[in-house]
């Protein structure tokens, strides 16, 4: 069945909420569900002529996360890889790694420009 919106599955530090929300974009409200909940969810979307992102846990595989050590970035500028800065349950981590594993969170706009 459906677990709920991805945003409800994440524990994000207050100071990073805006950055993580921006990185996730429309996936912030994507529905995390198990495979057996997929067909009913698709039926609801179709019957209501609605759109939405569905993230069946069994189908999602995290893509390779960025390795900060190999990037040679100034550690004063980089807070970390976005996926490493949020907490969630283990079964949801592949979704987080897929959506946030290649996104860097930096201290500020000036730090982003230096990159």
C-alpha atoms as a PDB file:
ATOM      1  CA  UNK A   1       0.000   0.000   0.000  1.00  0.00           C
ATOM      2  CA  UNK A   2       0.817   3.652   0.010  1.00  0.00           C
ATOM      3  CA  UNK A   3       3.090   4.985   2.731  1.00  0.00           C
ATOM      4  CA  UNK A   4       2.454   8.642   1.946  1.00  0.00           C
ATOM      5  CA  UNK A   5       4.272  11.609   0.491  1.00  0.00           C
ATOM      6  CA  UNK A   6       8.057  11.449   0.335  1.00  0.00           C
ATOM      7  CA  UNK A   7       8.189  14.640   2.413  1.00  0.00           C
ATOM      8  CA  UNK A   8       6.531  12.786   5.303  1.00  0.00           C
ATOM      9  CA  UNK A   9       9.204  10.072   5.146  1.00  0.00           C
ATOM     10  CA  UNK A  10      12.111  12.504   5.547  1.00  0.00           C
ATOM     11  CA  UNK A  11      13.665  14.003   8.637  1.00  0.00           C
ATOM     12  CA  UNK A  12      15.405  17.159   7.421  1.00  0.00           C
ATOM     13  CA  UNK A  13      17.340  19.599   9.614  1.00  0.00           C
ATOM     14  CA  UNK A  14      15.442  22.897   9.774  1.00  0.00           C
ATOM     15  CA  UNK A  15      18.304  24.874   8.253  1.00  0.00           C
ATOM     16  CA  UNK A  16      18.297  22.581   5.184  1.00  0.00           C
ATOM     17  CA  UNK A  17      14.539  22.401   4.521  1.00  0.00           C
ATOM     18  CA  UNK A  18      14.556  24.995   1.741  1.00  0.00           C
ATOM     19  CA  UNK A  19      17.589  23.486  -0.014  1.00  0.00           C
ATOM     20  CA  UNK A  20      16.241  19.920   0.166  1.00  0.00           C
ATOM     21  CA  UNK A  21      12.784  21.026  -1.018  1.00  0.00           C
ATOM     22  CA  UNK A  22      14.365  22.847  -3.959  1.00  0.00           C
ATOM     23  CA  UNK A  23      16.501  19.817  -4.828  1.00  0.00           C
ATOM     24  CA  UNK A  24      13.517  17.457  -4.733  1.00  0.00           C
ATOM     25  CA  UNK A  25      11.209  19.770  -6.689  1.00  0.00           C
ATOM     26  CA  UNK A  26       8.003  17.979  -7.679  1.00  0.00           C
ATOM     27  CA  UNK A  27       9.252  14.754  -6.075  1.00  0.00           C
ATOM     28  CA  UNK A  28       8.775  16.307  -2.627  1.00  0.00           C
ATOM     29  CA  UNK A  29       5.115  15.280  -2.846  1.00  0.00           C
ATOM     30  CA  UNK A  30       5.713  11.993  -4.700  1.00  0.00           C
ATOM     31  CA  UNK A  31       3.878   9.052  -3.182  1.00  0.00           C
ATOM     32  CA  UNK A  32       6.072   6.333  -1.699  1.00  0.00           C
ATOM     33  CA  UNK A  33       4.361   2.974  -1.952  1.00  0.00           C
ATOM     34  CA  UNK A  34       4.868  -0.747  -2.176  1.00  0.00           C
ATOM     35  CA  UNK A  35       4.454  -2.573  -5.458  1.00  0.00           C
ATOM     36  CA  UNK A  36       0.995  -3.884  -4.528  1.00  0.00           C
ATOM     37  CA  UNK A  37      -0.201  -0.296  -4.085  1.00  0.00           C
ATOM     38  CA  UNK A  38       0.901   0.767  -7.561  1.00  0.00           C
ATOM     39  CA  UNK A  39      -2.147  -0.329  -9.603  1.00  0.00           C
ATOM     40  CA  UNK A  40      -4.692   1.185  -7.189  1.00  0.00           C
ATOM     41  CA  UNK A  41      -2.715   4.442  -7.129  1.00  0.00           C
ATOM     42  CA  UNK A  42      -2.554   4.546 -10.924  1.00  0.00           C
ATOM     43  CA  UNK A  43      -6.299   3.927 -11.037  1.00  0.00           C
ATOM     44  CA  UNK A  44      -6.955   6.858  -8.711  1.00  0.00           C
ATOM     45  CA  UNK A  45      -4.771   9.164 -10.802  1.00  0.00           C
ATOM     46  CA  UNK A  46      -6.503   8.053 -13.977  1.00  0.00           C
ATOM     47  CA  UNK A  47     -10.037   8.379 -12.592  1.00  0.00           C
ATOM     48  CA  UNK A  48      -9.365  11.885 -11.330  1.00  0.00           C
ATOM     49  CA  UNK A  49      -7.453  12.959 -14.438  1.00  0.00           C
ATOM     50  CA  UNK A  50      -4.663  13.899 -12.065  1.00  0.00           C
ATOM     51  CA  UNK A  51      -0.937  13.646 -12.283  1.00  0.00           C
ATOM     52  CA  UNK A  52       1.541  12.622  -9.668  1.00  0.00           C
ATOM     53  CA  UNK A  53       4.839  10.906  -9.097  1.00  0.00           C
ATOM     54  CA  UNK A  54       4.727   7.388  -7.701  1.00  0.00           C
ATOM     55  CA  UNK A  55       7.794   5.780  -6.155  1.00  0.00           C
ATOM     56  CA  UNK A  56       7.319   2.011  -5.750  1.00  0.00           C
ATOM     57  CA  UNK A  57      10.003   0.972  -3.261  1.00  0.00           C
ATOM     58  CA  UNK A  58      10.678  -2.389  -4.915  1.00  0.00           C
ATOM     59  CA  UNK A  59      11.441  -0.741  -8.263  1.00  0.00           C
ATOM     60  CA  UNK A  60      13.728   2.054  -7.119  1.00  0.00           C
ATOM     61  CA  UNK A  61      17.469   1.536  -7.107  1.00  0.00           C
ATOM     62  CA  UNK A  62      19.740   4.279  -5.868  1.00  0.00           C
ATOM     63  CA  UNK A  63      22.208   5.612  -8.375  1.00  0.00           C
ATOM     64  CA  UNK A  64      25.801   6.048  -7.335  1.00  0.00           C
ATOM     65  CA  UNK A  65      26.131   8.806  -4.775  1.00  0.00           C
ATOM     66  CA  UNK A  66      28.757  11.466  -5.184  1.00  0.00           C
ATOM     67  CA  UNK A  67      32.029  10.788  -3.417  1.00  0.00           C
ATOM     68  CA  UNK A  68      33.077  14.090  -1.859  1.00  0.00           C
ATOM     69  CA  UNK A  69      36.629  12.932  -1.217  1.00  0.00           C
ATOM     70  CA  UNK A  70      37.197  12.387  -4.925  1.00  0.00           C
ATOM     71  CA  UNK A  71      35.891  15.787  -5.993  1.00  0.00           C
ATOM     72  CA  UNK A  72      38.609  17.945  -4.434  1.00  0.00           C
ATOM     73  CA  UNK A  73      36.186  20.603  -3.209  1.00  0.00           C
ATOM     74  CA  UNK A  74      36.794  23.149  -0.483  1.00  0.00           C
ATOM     75  CA  UNK A  75      35.274  21.551   2.616  1.00  0.00           C
ATOM     76  CA  UNK A  76      34.410  24.990   4.031  1.00  0.00           C
ATOM     77  CA  UNK A  77      31.965  25.519   1.164  1.00  0.00           C
ATOM     78  CA  UNK A  78      30.318  22.091   1.041  1.00  0.00           C
ATOM     79  CA  UNK A  79      27.886  20.907   3.692  1.00  0.00           C
ATOM     80  CA  UNK A  80      27.579  17.496   2.056  1.00  0.00           C
ATOM     81  CA  UNK A  81      25.718  15.302  -0.388  1.00  0.00           C
ATOM     82  CA  UNK A  82      22.010  15.998   0.075  1.00  0.00           C
ATOM     83  CA  UNK A  83      21.154  12.294   0.540  1.00  0.00           C
ATOM     84  CA  UNK A  84      23.565  12.113   3.485  1.00  0.00           C
ATOM     85  CA  UNK A  85      22.046  15.159   5.172  1.00  0.00           C
ATOM     86  CA  UNK A  86      18.524  13.759   5.584  1.00  0.00           C
ATOM     87  CA  UNK A  87      17.322  10.831   7.636  1.00  0.00           C
ATOM     88  CA  UNK A  88      14.707   8.255   6.730  1.00  0.00           C
ATOM     89  CA  UNK A  89      13.917   4.603   7.237  1.00  0.00           C
ATOM     90  CA  UNK A  90      16.264   2.088   5.589  1.00  0.00           C
ATOM     91  CA  UNK A  91      13.715   0.907   3.028  1.00  0.00           C
ATOM     92  CA  UNK A  92      13.253   4.490   1.751  1.00  0.00           C
ATOM     93  CA  UNK A  93      17.002   5.215   1.412  1.00  0.00           C
ATOM     94  CA  UNK A  94      17.220   3.972  -2.205  1.00  0.00           C
ATOM     95  CA  UNK A  95      14.631   6.628  -3.127  1.00  0.00           C
ATOM     96  CA  UNK A  96      16.612   9.293  -1.263  1.00  0.00           C
ATOM     97  CA  UNK A  97      19.878   8.150  -2.876  1.00  0.00           C
ATOM     98  CA  UNK A  98      18.287   8.235  -6.331  1.00  0.00           C
ATOM     99  CA  UNK A  99      16.793  11.710  -5.925  1.00  0.00           C
ATOM    100  CA  UNK A 100      19.429  13.411  -3.748  1.00  0.00           C
ATOM    101  CA  UNK A 101      22.589  11.326  -4.083  1.00  0.00           C
ATOM    102  CA  UNK A 102      24.124  13.480  -6.799  1.00  0.00           C
ATOM    103  CA  UNK A 103      23.179  16.846  -5.312  1.00  0.00           C
ATOM    104  CA  UNK A 104      25.597  18.906  -3.249  1.00  0.00           C
ATOM    105  CA  UNK A 105      24.406  21.244  -0.529  1.00  0.00           C
ATOM    106  CA  UNK A 106      26.705  24.220  -0.067  1.00  0.00           C
ATOM    107  CA  UNK A 107      26.950  26.935   2.569  1.00  0.00           C
ATOM    108  CA  UNK A 108      25.624  29.782   0.436  1.00  0.00           C
ATOM    109  CA  UNK A 109      25.366  31.218  -3.079  1.00  0.00           C
ATOM    110  CA  UNK A 110      28.922  32.465  -3.047  1.00  0.00           C
ATOM    111  CA  UNK A 111      30.137  28.948  -2.276  1.00  0.00           C
ATOM    112  CA  UNK A 112      28.056  27.614  -5.185  1.00  0.00           C
ATOM    113  CA  UNK A 113      29.604  30.169  -7.528  1.00  0.00           C
ATOM    114  CA  UNK A 114      33.130  29.171  -6.468  1.00  0.00           C
ATOM    115  CA  UNK A 115      32.424  25.639  -7.624  1.00  0.00           C
END
